[in-house]
Amino acid sequence: MFLIVGVVLLLLLPYPWNVVGGTCAFVLFLGELSFWHRRVRDQPKKVGAQNLIGQTATVVSPCRPKGQVRIGGEIWAARCPGGVDHGDTVRVVDRDGLTLIVEPVVDAPREGVSETPPEPG
């Protein structure tokens, strides 16, 4: 943020003040960089398929037994031994490499499907 402000100040202010403003913005940028580095340096990394175990996902393509699920905005390859249809909600129970092993969530509404039955008519 401060780096962008510094570039704008260098371009918009007249000669001696553009250097002063740019330098101040650069110093503030280094302070912000140092703050965030200290804040996150000792936190464990949370990446990879192992962190998805226990989360719920939505089936994108039918898993009979292999298909795809959407979880956290990403599409993953999935395998469901029991089989599930498009729009069903599943829970990740394990993984095999980059393939998630999923099982259907009982009593979960399907995506895009109404809970109320249609009126007779």
N, C-alpha and C. Protein backbone atom coordinates (compact mmCIF):
# COMPACT_ATOMS: atom_id res chain seq x y z
N MET A 1 0.83 -1.19 0.00
CA MET A 1 0.00 0.00 0.00
C MET A 1 0.87 1.26 0.00
N PHE A 2 1.83 1.29 0.93
CA PHE A 2 2.68 2.47 1.03
C PHE A 2 3.61 2.59 -0.17
N LEU A 3 3.96 1.47 -0.77
CA LEU A 3 4.82 1.50 -1.95
C LEU A 3 4.09 2.15 -3.12
N ILE A 4 2.82 1.84 -3.26
CA ILE A 4 2.01 2.46 -4.32
C ILE A 4 1.86 3.96 -4.08
N VAL A 5 1.63 4.34 -2.83
CA VAL A 5 1.52 5.76 -2.49
C VAL A 5 2.83 6.47 -2.80
N GLY A 6 3.95 5.84 -2.52
CA GLY A 6 5.27 6.43 -2.81
C GLY A 6 5.47 6.69 -4.28
N VAL A 7 5.08 5.74 -5.13
CA VAL A 7 5.21 5.92 -6.57
C VAL A 7 4.32 7.06 -7.04
N VAL A 8 3.10 7.13 -6.52
CA VAL A 8 2.19 8.22 -6.90
C VAL A 8 2.77 9.57 -6.46
N LEU A 9 3.33 9.62 -5.26
CA LEU A 9 3.93 10.88 -4.79
C LEU A 9 5.11 11.28 -5.65
N LEU A 10 5.92 10.32 -6.06
CA LEU A 10 7.05 10.63 -6.93
C LEU A 10 6.60 11.22 -8.26
N LEU A 11 5.47 10.79 -8.75
CA LEU A 11 4.99 11.25 -10.04
C LEU A 11 4.23 12.57 -9.97
N LEU A 12 3.55 12.83 -8.87
CA LEU A 12 2.65 13.98 -8.80
C LEU A 12 3.24 15.23 -8.13
N LEU A 13 4.15 15.06 -7.18
CA LEU A 13 4.66 16.23 -6.45
C LEU A 13 5.83 16.89 -7.21
N PRO A 14 6.02 18.19 -7.00
CA PRO A 14 7.17 18.86 -7.62
C PRO A 14 8.49 18.41 -6.98
N TYR A 15 9.62 18.80 -7.60
CA TYR A 15 10.92 18.22 -7.31
C TYR A 15 11.31 17.97 -5.86
N PRO A 16 11.52 18.89 -5.01
CA PRO A 16 12.09 18.40 -3.75
C PRO A 16 11.09 17.59 -2.94
N TRP A 17 9.79 17.86 -3.11
CA TRP A 17 8.79 17.18 -2.28
C TRP A 17 8.50 15.76 -2.77
N ASN A 18 8.69 15.51 -4.04
CA ASN A 18 8.46 14.14 -4.51
C ASN A 18 9.48 13.18 -3.93
N VAL A 19 10.71 13.62 -3.75
CA VAL A 19 11.74 12.77 -3.15
C VAL A 19 11.43 12.56 -1.66
N VAL A 20 11.02 13.61 -0.97
CA VAL A 20 10.68 13.51 0.46
C VAL A 20 9.48 12.58 0.63
N GLY A 21 8.43 12.79 -0.15
CA GLY A 21 7.23 11.96 -0.04
C GLY A 21 7.51 10.51 -0.40
N GLY A 22 8.27 10.29 -1.46
CA GLY A 22 8.61 8.93 -1.86
C GLY A 22 9.44 8.22 -0.81
N THR A 23 10.40 8.94 -0.22
CA THR A 23 11.24 8.35 0.83
C THR A 23 10.41 7.99 2.07
N CYS A 24 9.52 8.89 2.46
CA CYS A 24 8.66 8.61 3.62
C CYS A 24 7.77 7.39 3.36
N ALA A 25 7.20 7.32 2.16
CA ALA A 25 6.35 6.17 1.83
C ALA A 25 7.16 4.88 1.82
N PHE A 26 8.40 4.94 1.34
CA PHE A 26 9.25 3.74 1.31
C PHE A 26 9.59 3.28 2.73
N VAL A 27 9.87 4.22 3.61
CA VAL A 27 10.16 3.87 5.02
C VAL A 27 8.94 3.24 5.67
N LEU A 28 7.76 3.81 5.41
CA LEU A 28 6.53 3.22 5.96
C LEU A 28 6.29 1.82 5.37
N PHE A 29 6.59 1.63 4.10
CA PHE A 29 6.47 0.31 3.48
C PHE A 29 7.37 -0.70 4.17
N LEU A 30 8.62 -0.33 4.45
CA LEU A 30 9.54 -1.24 5.15
C LEU A 30 9.03 -1.56 6.55
N GLY A 31 8.45 -0.58 7.24
CA GLY A 31 7.87 -0.83 8.57
C GLY A 31 6.71 -1.80 8.50
N GLU A 32 5.84 -1.62 7.49
CA GLU A 32 4.71 -2.54 7.32
C GLU A 32 5.20 -3.95 6.99
N LEU A 33 6.19 -4.04 6.14
CA LEU A 33 6.75 -5.34 5.77
C LEU A 33 7.33 -6.04 6.99
N SER A 34 8.04 -5.30 7.83
CA SER A 34 8.62 -5.86 9.06
C SER A 34 7.52 -6.32 10.02
N PHE A 35 6.46 -5.52 10.16
CA PHE A 35 5.35 -5.87 11.05
C PHE A 35 4.72 -7.19 10.63
N TRP A 36 4.37 -7.34 9.34
CA TRP A 36 3.71 -8.56 8.88
C TRP A 36 4.65 -9.75 8.92
N HIS A 37 5.92 -9.53 8.69
CA HIS A 37 6.88 -10.64 8.78
C HIS A 37 6.94 -11.17 10.21
N ARG A 38 7.01 -10.30 11.19
CA ARG A 38 7.04 -10.74 12.59
C ARG A 38 5.74 -11.41 13.01
N ARG A 39 4.63 -10.93 12.45
CA ARG A 39 3.32 -11.46 12.83
C ARG A 39 3.09 -12.89 12.34
N VAL A 40 3.58 -13.22 11.16
CA VAL A 40 3.26 -14.53 10.57
C VAL A 40 4.42 -15.51 10.54
N ARG A 41 5.61 -15.13 10.96
CA ARG A 41 6.77 -16.01 10.77
C ARG A 41 6.71 -17.31 11.58
N ASP A 42 6.09 -17.33 12.75
CA ASP A 42 6.07 -18.54 13.57
C ASP A 42 4.79 -19.34 13.44
N GLN A 43 3.90 -18.93 12.56
CA GLN A 43 2.65 -19.67 12.38
C GLN A 43 2.88 -20.85 11.45
N PRO A 44 2.27 -22.00 11.76
CA PRO A 44 2.45 -23.16 10.89
C PRO A 44 1.76 -22.95 9.55
N LYS A 45 2.34 -23.54 8.52
CA LYS A 45 1.77 -23.44 7.17
C LYS A 45 0.53 -24.33 7.10
N LYS A 46 -0.51 -23.83 6.45
CA LYS A 46 -1.76 -24.59 6.32
C LYS A 46 -2.06 -24.78 4.85
N VAL A 47 -1.34 -25.68 4.22
CA VAL A 47 -1.52 -25.95 2.80
C VAL A 47 -1.57 -27.45 2.57
N GLY A 48 -2.15 -27.86 1.45
CA GLY A 48 -2.17 -29.26 1.07
C GLY A 48 -3.50 -29.93 1.32
N ALA A 49 -3.63 -31.09 0.70
CA ALA A 49 -4.88 -31.84 0.77
C ALA A 49 -5.16 -32.38 2.17
N GLN A 50 -4.14 -32.59 3.00
CA GLN A 50 -4.36 -33.14 4.34
C GLN A 50 -5.20 -32.21 5.21
N ASN A 51 -5.21 -30.91 4.91
CA ASN A 51 -6.01 -29.96 5.69
C ASN A 51 -7.48 -29.96 5.30
N LEU A 52 -7.84 -30.67 4.25
CA LEU A 52 -9.23 -30.72 3.80
C LEU A 52 -10.04 -31.80 4.50
N ILE A 53 -9.38 -32.72 5.18
CA ILE A 53 -10.07 -33.83 5.83
C ILE A 53 -11.00 -33.28 6.91
N GLY A 54 -12.27 -33.70 6.84
CA GLY A 54 -13.29 -33.25 7.79
C GLY A 54 -14.15 -32.12 7.26
N GLN A 55 -13.76 -31.49 6.17
CA GLN A 55 -14.55 -30.40 5.60
C GLN A 55 -15.62 -30.94 4.66
N THR A 56 -16.64 -30.12 4.43
CA THR A 56 -17.70 -30.53 3.51
C THR A 56 -17.44 -29.93 2.13
N ALA A 57 -17.94 -30.60 1.10
CA ALA A 57 -17.74 -30.18 -0.28
C ALA A 57 -19.03 -30.42 -1.05
N THR A 58 -19.12 -29.80 -2.23
CA THR A 58 -20.26 -29.98 -3.12
C THR A 58 -19.80 -30.75 -4.34
N VAL A 59 -20.56 -31.75 -4.74
CA VAL A 59 -20.19 -32.57 -5.89
C VAL A 59 -20.41 -31.78 -7.17
N VAL A 60 -19.38 -31.71 -8.01
CA VAL A 60 -19.43 -31.00 -9.28
C VAL A 60 -19.77 -31.96 -10.42
N SER A 61 -19.12 -33.12 -10.43
CA SER A 61 -19.46 -34.16 -11.39
C SER A 61 -19.70 -35.45 -10.61
N PRO A 62 -20.70 -36.24 -11.00
CA PRO A 62 -21.08 -37.43 -10.22
C PRO A 62 -19.89 -38.33 -9.90
N CYS A 63 -19.83 -38.76 -8.66
CA CYS A 63 -18.76 -39.65 -8.20
C CYS A 63 -19.31 -41.07 -8.18
N ARG A 64 -18.99 -41.85 -9.21
CA ARG A 64 -19.46 -43.24 -9.29
C ARG A 64 -18.37 -44.13 -9.82
N PRO A 65 -17.36 -44.47 -9.19
CA PRO A 65 -16.88 -43.99 -7.89
C PRO A 65 -16.01 -42.75 -7.99
N LYS A 66 -15.53 -42.38 -9.21
CA LYS A 66 -14.65 -41.21 -9.32
C LYS A 66 -15.40 -40.03 -9.93
N GLY A 67 -15.09 -38.84 -9.43
CA GLY A 67 -15.70 -37.62 -9.93
C GLY A 67 -14.93 -36.42 -9.42
N GLN A 68 -15.63 -35.29 -9.30
CA GLN A 68 -15.00 -34.06 -8.82
C GLN A 68 -15.89 -33.37 -7.80
N VAL A 69 -15.23 -32.69 -6.84
CA VAL A 69 -15.95 -31.93 -5.82
C VAL A 69 -15.35 -30.53 -5.73
N ARG A 70 -16.18 -29.58 -5.30
CA ARG A 70 -15.72 -28.20 -5.08
C ARG A 70 -15.64 -27.98 -3.58
N ILE A 71 -14.46 -27.55 -3.15
CA ILE A 71 -14.25 -27.28 -1.74
C ILE A 71 -13.35 -26.06 -1.61
N GLY A 72 -13.80 -25.07 -0.89
CA GLY A 72 -13.02 -23.85 -0.71
C GLY A 72 -12.72 -23.13 -2.01
N GLY A 73 -13.63 -23.20 -2.97
CA GLY A 73 -13.43 -22.52 -4.24
C GLY A 73 -12.54 -23.27 -5.22
N GLU A 74 -12.08 -24.45 -4.84
CA GLU A 74 -11.21 -25.26 -5.70
C GLU A 74 -11.93 -26.54 -6.09
N ILE A 75 -11.60 -27.06 -7.26
CA ILE A 75 -12.17 -28.33 -7.70
C ILE A 75 -11.11 -29.41 -7.52
N TRP A 76 -11.49 -30.48 -6.81
CA TRP A 76 -10.58 -31.58 -6.51
C TRP A 76 -11.14 -32.87 -7.11
N ALA A 77 -10.24 -33.78 -7.47
CA ALA A 77 -10.65 -35.12 -7.86
C ALA A 77 -11.12 -35.84 -6.60
N ALA A 78 -12.17 -36.63 -6.74
CA ALA A 78 -12.73 -37.29 -5.56
C ALA A 78 -13.15 -38.72 -5.91
N ARG A 79 -13.23 -39.53 -4.86
CA ARG A 79 -13.71 -40.90 -5.02
C ARG A 79 -14.69 -41.17 -3.89
N CYS A 80 -15.87 -41.69 -4.26
CA CYS A 80 -16.89 -42.02 -3.28
C CYS A 80 -17.34 -43.45 -3.55
N PRO A 81 -16.99 -44.38 -2.70
CA PRO A 81 -17.34 -45.78 -2.93
C PRO A 81 -18.85 -46.00 -3.07
N GLY A 82 -19.67 -45.25 -2.34
CA GLY A 82 -21.11 -45.42 -2.40
C GLY A 82 -21.75 -44.70 -3.58
N GLY A 83 -21.07 -43.72 -4.14
CA GLY A 83 -21.60 -42.96 -5.25
C GLY A 83 -22.49 -41.82 -4.80
N VAL A 84 -22.30 -40.65 -5.39
CA VAL A 84 -23.12 -39.47 -5.13
C VAL A 84 -23.37 -38.74 -6.45
N ASP A 85 -24.44 -37.94 -6.48
CA ASP A 85 -24.83 -37.23 -7.69
C ASP A 85 -24.39 -35.77 -7.63
N HIS A 86 -24.50 -35.10 -8.77
CA HIS A 86 -24.16 -33.69 -8.88
C HIS A 86 -25.02 -32.87 -7.91
N GLY A 87 -24.39 -31.96 -7.17
CA GLY A 87 -25.11 -31.10 -6.23
C GLY A 87 -25.19 -31.64 -4.83
N ASP A 88 -24.86 -32.92 -4.62
CA ASP A 88 -24.90 -33.49 -3.27
C ASP A 88 -23.79 -32.90 -2.41
N THR A 89 -24.01 -32.91 -1.11
CA THR A 89 -23.00 -32.46 -0.16
C THR A 89 -22.29 -33.69 0.40
N VAL A 90 -20.97 -33.63 0.41
CA VAL A 90 -20.16 -34.75 0.90
C VAL A 90 -19.16 -34.24 1.93
N ARG A 91 -18.63 -35.17 2.71
CA ARG A 91 -17.60 -34.85 3.70
C ARG A 91 -16.32 -35.60 3.31
N VAL A 92 -15.20 -34.89 3.40
CA VAL A 92 -13.90 -35.50 3.09
C VAL A 92 -13.47 -36.32 4.29
N VAL A 93 -13.22 -37.63 4.06
CA VAL A 93 -12.84 -38.51 5.16
C VAL A 93 -11.38 -38.96 5.07
N ASP A 94 -10.79 -38.89 3.88
CA ASP A 94 -9.40 -39.32 3.71
C ASP A 94 -8.91 -38.79 2.37
N ARG A 95 -7.67 -39.11 2.05
CA ARG A 95 -7.13 -38.75 0.75
C ARG A 95 -6.18 -39.83 0.27
N ASP A 96 -6.06 -39.94 -1.03
CA ASP A 96 -5.14 -40.87 -1.67
C ASP A 96 -4.36 -40.07 -2.69
N GLY A 97 -3.19 -39.57 -2.29
CA GLY A 97 -2.45 -38.65 -3.14
C GLY A 97 -3.21 -37.34 -3.21
N LEU A 98 -3.60 -36.92 -4.42
CA LEU A 98 -4.39 -35.70 -4.58
C LEU A 98 -5.86 -36.00 -4.84
N THR A 99 -6.27 -37.24 -4.62
CA THR A 99 -7.68 -37.62 -4.75
C THR A 99 -8.29 -37.68 -3.36
N LEU A 100 -9.39 -36.95 -3.18
CA LEU A 100 -10.07 -36.94 -1.88
C LEU A 100 -11.05 -38.10 -1.81
N ILE A 101 -11.08 -38.79 -0.69
CA ILE A 101 -12.05 -39.85 -0.43
C ILE A 101 -13.20 -39.20 0.33
N VAL A 102 -14.41 -39.28 -0.25
CA VAL A 102 -15.55 -38.58 0.34
C VAL A 102 -16.68 -39.55 0.63
N GLU A 103 -17.57 -39.12 1.52
CA GLU A 103 -18.79 -39.88 1.81
C GLU A 103 -19.95 -38.89 1.88
N PRO A 104 -21.15 -39.33 1.52
CA PRO A 104 -22.30 -38.41 1.54
C PRO A 104 -22.62 -37.94 2.95
N VAL A 105 -23.05 -36.69 3.05
CA VAL A 105 -23.51 -36.14 4.32
C VAL A 105 -25.00 -36.42 4.42
N VAL A 106 -25.41 -37.06 5.49
CA VAL A 106 -26.81 -37.42 5.68
C VAL A 106 -27.60 -36.17 6.05
N ASP A 107 -28.80 -36.03 5.49
CA ASP A 107 -29.71 -34.92 5.76
C ASP A 107 -29.18 -33.57 5.32
N ALA A 108 -28.33 -33.53 4.31
CA ALA A 108 -27.84 -32.26 3.79
C ALA A 108 -28.63 -31.91 2.54
N PRO A 109 -29.10 -30.67 2.43
CA PRO A 109 -29.86 -30.29 1.23
C PRO A 109 -28.95 -30.26 0.01
N ARG A 110 -29.50 -30.65 -1.14
CA ARG A 110 -28.74 -30.59 -2.38
C ARG A 110 -28.70 -29.15 -2.87
N GLU A 111 -27.58 -28.79 -3.49
CA GLU A 111 -27.42 -27.44 -4.01
C GLU A 111 -28.38 -27.21 -5.17
N GLY A 112 -29.16 -26.15 -5.09
CA GLY A 112 -30.08 -25.81 -6.17
C GLY A 112 -31.38 -26.59 -6.15
N VAL A 113 -31.60 -27.41 -5.11
CA VAL A 113 -32.83 -28.20 -5.02
C VAL A 113 -33.65 -27.67 -3.86
N SER A 114 -34.92 -27.42 -4.07
CA SER A 114 -35.79 -26.87 -3.06
C SER A 114 -36.12 -27.93 -2.01
N GLU A 115 -36.24 -27.50 -0.76
CA GLU A 115 -36.59 -28.41 0.33
C GLU A 115 -38.07 -28.78 0.32
N THR A 116 -38.91 -27.87 -0.14
CA THR A 116 -40.36 -28.13 -0.13
C THR A 116 -40.77 -28.87 -1.39
N PRO A 117 -41.65 -29.85 -1.26
CA PRO A 117 -42.10 -30.56 -2.45
C PRO A 117 -43.01 -29.69 -3.30
N PRO A 118 -43.06 -29.92 -4.59
CA PRO A 118 -43.93 -29.10 -5.44
C PRO A 118 -45.41 -29.35 -5.13
N GLU A 119 -46.22 -28.32 -5.30
CA GLU A 119 -47.65 -28.44 -5.03
C GLU A 119 -48.33 -29.25 -6.15
N PRO A 120 -49.26 -30.12 -5.77
CA PRO A 120 -49.94 -30.89 -6.80
C PRO A 120 -50.81 -29.97 -7.65
N GLY A 121 -50.90 -30.29 -8.89
CA GLY A 121 -51.71 -29.39 -9.68
C GLY A 121 -51.70 -29.72 -11.06
